[in-house]
Every structure is written in structure tokens, then in C-alpha cells.
Amino acid sequence: MTATYYCVNHIMQFVSRLPELMQRKGVKDQKTLAEETGLSPTTVGKIYRGDFRRIEEKTILTLYNYFGCQSINEIIEIQ
């Protein structure tokens, strides 16, 4: 899942790793993830699809802790 943004002289693409993290942890769907993290289903859906312009720090930290990530790149990769 990707979102594309244009920066000076190049294009940045944000790739959501949320589907992979959910599968690895055995989270069955986005609704379950929203319920277990306290995030809104809309927020989870947007990140899952890579359909976002920005992500709140609290949201990233919630996902980071929930999945036991070692790096934010495990949630969102910038290409």
C-alpha cells in the first residue's frame, strides 16, 4: 500500500507495512486492530491502505508499541 508525495526534485513514496504486521501478529482484520489499540477504524483503514497525508505521533507510537517494532520503518517505509 503506497501514498506518493512530491518533494523538491524527487518523488517520495510511503509504503504501509501494516498488512504484513497484522498478518504476522495474527490480527484478523482492521476492526480488530482498531479495537485492540484504541485507534479509530478510519485511521487504521487509511494507514492500512497507505491513504494518508500525515500520521499523528500518538498513532505511530501506539502501533509501534502494539506490534513491538524496533523501527518506525517497520510500520511505514519511505522510498
C-alpha atoms as a PDB file:
ATOM      1  CA  MET A   1       0.000   0.000   0.000  1.00  0.00           C
ATOM      2  CA  THR A   2       1.524   3.311  -1.010  1.00  0.00           C
ATOM      3  CA  ALA A   3       0.973   7.038  -0.879  1.00  0.00           C
ATOM      4  CA  THR A   4       3.003   9.247  -3.211  1.00  0.00           C
ATOM      5  CA  TYR A   5       4.266  12.726  -2.314  1.00  0.00           C
ATOM      6  CA  TYR A   6       6.371  15.126  -4.305  1.00  0.00           C
ATOM      7  CA  CYS A   7       9.426  16.729  -2.716  1.00  0.00           C
ATOM      8  CA  VAL A   8      11.888  19.141  -4.206  1.00  0.00           C
ATOM      9  CA  ASN A   9      13.475  17.357  -7.175  1.00  0.00           C
ATOM     10  CA  HIS A  10      12.073  13.868  -6.432  1.00  0.00           C
ATOM     11  CA  ILE A  11       9.046  11.795  -5.521  1.00  0.00           C
ATOM     12  CA  MET A  12       8.706  10.181  -2.085  1.00  0.00           C
ATOM     13  CA  GLN A  13       6.536   7.150  -1.664  1.00  0.00           C
ATOM     14  CA  PHE A  14       5.222   5.992   1.701  1.00  0.00           C
ATOM     15  CA  VAL A  15       4.624   2.254   1.845  1.00  0.00           C
ATOM     16  CA  SER A  16       2.399   0.898   4.611  1.00  0.00           C
ATOM     17  CA  ARG A  17       3.647  -2.293   6.255  1.00  0.00           C
ATOM     18  CA  LEU A  18       0.519  -2.584   8.384  1.00  0.00           C
ATOM     19  CA  PRO A  19      -0.950  -5.546   6.433  1.00  0.00           C
ATOM     20  CA  GLU A  20       2.269  -7.540   6.978  1.00  0.00           C
ATOM     21  CA  LEU A  21       2.449  -6.642  10.677  1.00  0.00           C
ATOM     22  CA  MET A  22      -1.167  -7.642  11.197  1.00  0.00           C
ATOM     23  CA  GLN A  23      -0.662 -10.957   9.461  1.00  0.00           C
ATOM     24  CA  ARG A  24       2.468 -11.716  11.470  1.00  0.00           C
ATOM     25  CA  LYS A  25       0.722 -10.962  14.764  1.00  0.00           C
ATOM     26  CA  GLY A  26      -2.439 -12.820  13.755  1.00  0.00           C
ATOM     27  CA  VAL A  27      -4.713  -9.775  13.823  1.00  0.00           C
ATOM     28  CA  LYS A  28      -7.683 -10.883  11.733  1.00  0.00           C
ATOM     29  CA  ASP A  29      -8.887  -7.511  10.430  1.00  0.00           C
ATOM     30  CA  GLN A  30      -8.669  -3.742  10.680  1.00  0.00           C
ATOM     31  CA  LYS A  31     -11.654  -3.550  13.032  1.00  0.00           C
ATOM     32  CA  THR A  32      -9.908  -5.851  15.498  1.00  0.00           C
ATOM     33  CA  LEU A  33      -6.732  -3.764  15.324  1.00  0.00           C
ATOM     34  CA  ALA A  34      -8.743  -0.602  15.991  1.00  0.00           C
ATOM     35  CA  GLU A  35     -10.459  -2.193  18.981  1.00  0.00           C
ATOM     36  CA  GLU A  36      -7.229  -3.581  20.458  1.00  0.00           C
ATOM     37  CA  THR A  37      -5.245  -0.352  20.056  1.00  0.00           C
ATOM     38  CA  GLY A  38      -7.951   2.222  20.724  1.00  0.00           C
ATOM     39  CA  LEU A  39      -7.291   3.837  17.340  1.00  0.00           C
ATOM     40  CA  SER A  40     -10.236   4.810  15.192  1.00  0.00           C
ATOM     41  CA  PRO A  41     -11.237   2.366  12.440  1.00  0.00           C
ATOM     42  CA  THR A  42     -10.888   5.224   9.932  1.00  0.00           C
ATOM     43  CA  THR A  43      -7.293   5.870  10.983  1.00  0.00           C
ATOM     44  CA  VAL A  44      -6.395   2.195  10.848  1.00  0.00           C
ATOM     45  CA  GLY A  45      -8.017   1.857   7.410  1.00  0.00           C
ATOM     46  CA  LYS A  46      -6.169   4.841   5.971  1.00  0.00           C
ATOM     47  CA  ILE A  47      -2.808   3.624   7.215  1.00  0.00           C
ATOM     48  CA  TYR A  48      -3.571   0.073   6.051  1.00  0.00           C
ATOM     49  CA  ARG A  49      -4.302   1.341   2.518  1.00  0.00           C
ATOM     50  CA  GLY A  50      -1.469   3.866   2.517  1.00  0.00           C
ATOM     51  CA  ASP A  51      -4.088   6.587   2.038  1.00  0.00           C
ATOM     52  CA  PHE A  52      -2.815   9.326   4.338  1.00  0.00           C
ATOM     53  CA  ARG A  53      -1.122  12.715   4.245  1.00  0.00           C
ATOM     54  CA  ARG A  54       0.167  12.687   7.809  1.00  0.00           C
ATOM     55  CA  ILE A  55       0.107  10.437  10.841  1.00  0.00           C
ATOM     56  CA  GLU A  56      -0.145  11.684  14.402  1.00  0.00           C
ATOM     57  CA  GLU A  57       2.799  10.853  16.651  1.00  0.00           C
ATOM     58  CA  LYS A  58       0.418   9.161  19.113  1.00  0.00           C
ATOM     59  CA  THR A  59      -0.848   6.874  16.330  1.00  0.00           C
ATOM     60  CA  ILE A  60       2.641   5.812  15.273  1.00  0.00           C
ATOM     61  CA  LEU A  61       3.672   5.208  18.885  1.00  0.00           C
ATOM     62  CA  THR A  62       0.530   3.165  19.538  1.00  0.00           C
ATOM     63  CA  LEU A  63       1.219   0.925  16.517  1.00  0.00           C
ATOM     64  CA  TYR A  64       4.945   0.787  17.333  1.00  0.00           C
ATOM     65  CA  ASN A  65       4.265  -0.480  20.849  1.00  0.00           C
ATOM     66  CA  TYR A  66       1.403  -2.785  19.869  1.00  0.00           C
ATOM     67  CA  PHE A  67       3.496  -4.620  17.276  1.00  0.00           C
ATOM     68  CA  GLY A  68       6.734  -4.453  19.284  1.00  0.00           C
ATOM     69  CA  CYS A  69       8.572  -2.694  16.481  1.00  0.00           C
ATOM     70  CA  GLN A  70      12.270  -1.879  16.610  1.00  0.00           C
ATOM     71  CA  SER A  71      11.991   0.875  13.980  1.00  0.00           C
ATOM     72  CA  ILE A  72       9.259   3.095  12.584  1.00  0.00           C
ATOM     73  CA  ASN A  73      10.258   1.737   9.159  1.00  0.00           C
ATOM     74  CA  GLU A  74       8.531  -1.482  10.175  1.00  0.00           C
ATOM     75  CA  ILE A  75       5.231   0.419  10.015  1.00  0.00           C
ATOM     76  CA  ILE A  76       5.836   2.962   7.259  1.00  0.00           C
ATOM     77  CA  GLU A  77       8.660   2.770   4.762  1.00  0.00           C
ATOM     78  CA  ILE A  78       9.755   5.842   2.845  1.00  0.00           C
ATOM     79  CA  GLN A  79      11.047   5.064  -0.623  1.00  0.00           C
END
